[in-house]
């Protein structure tokens, strides 16, 4: 085609010119994008990364940001260089024979001279910082590897550790691993933040319109310059109340009186002269109380972990486990606002619907069938045959009314109080016969065991 021809110029030559310009722009755009794309992490840069600190029995040191109230074990990585380092292509493991056990999600970066915490909680569904393994408090192996080409970047074998005891490098990022005097997650090792313990719990019942006294033990090798109760209410934002040093390591303060039915949560924060601070309890585990709340005198009376005798009255083909609650008084007791749970950290797991009443000197049975859609006495959790924790709570989950923790298999799949409603701790027996909404009694083994064998 001759583009000097007037016949072709308007339609083809101009069109060809437009295509050529568009192609040139596309090439330029691709070149620009490529020029702006970050360089992939190189093995030489990643080789500088270090396992810096870990905790294998975390209780009061670091809260899980993705699941407040939980305190999982953790592993800290450190970048000792003056440039950020991407973690693409790396993996963490607790098994030397399986270096790729937990491949780190692409896109994570540790800034220059920065830290990154991985939560060893065996729950990777929570996000890229949650590993698919836990740490053993009795000691084990931890390694950081590059996967392609396979190579070890850093590893360690830590000893048995106590609760909230950290193991890390000292000095930070360089020295040999050792048990650290103080844990410093997301900070340089060797720090000395205040150590807070024994934060007092609120009284039960918690009075309305009266101040609540809070005490805490606070220690530090440096001077404490501030100790504060940080509290928030259901009708207001976060507020502070100063604590006074009363001698030794004891600090005391007061939360002002709150109106009836006000929900209050609080923790203690301390700061030392070096500007280091700490708090207790951890986020999600704050102390809580409902002003003016008095718990009812209800009692957990029977827990059946393994039912093969009594059918579900609402679904006769099913044989659910159950939890029986007893009212030892001569008046009916409303269960409005109460809850049941199989998790100490989740007191509001099943909030009992309004309108459920326990008759005087009587019982009510909740079916642990994980099918709450069947009605108000059907729970949203089941019970394990080997036994587990059960708690009855009130005051919007702030008060534990009664609980039982069966951490070994009940001999015949049930535990109950003998006689009914006996509040003594030693009244629990794991030889009771399952007695649905009837008085508890010890089992006749001669009659019961043949049924078990079937």
Foldseek 3Di string as FASTA:
>chain_A
DDCVDPVCVPPPVVVVVVVVVVVVVVVVVVVVVVVPDDDAFDPVQVLLKEFFKWDQAEDADDADPLDGLDTATKTKMWRAAQAKGWLQQKDKDQDPVCRRQWHQDGPDIAGHRWMDMAGADCCCVSDRSYGNHGHHLQKTKMFMWGVVVTDTSYIDIDHRHDYQWMWGAPQTSDHDIDTAPHDDPGDTGPDWAKDKDDWDAFDAVAAAQAKTKTKIFIDTPAAWPFKWKWKQKPVGGIDIWGWDDPDDRMTMTIDGGHHAQIKMWIKMKIAGPVRHIDIPRYGLPTAIHGHPDHDAQKEFFKWFQDFDDAADPLGRVHTFTKTKIFAAAQAKDWLQQKDKDQDPSCRRQDHQDGDDIAHHRFMDMATQPLCCVSDRSDHNHGHHQQWGKMFMAGRNRNGTSYIDGRNGHQPQRMKGAVFGPPPDPVRIHSQWDDDPRDTIDGDDCVVPVVVVVD
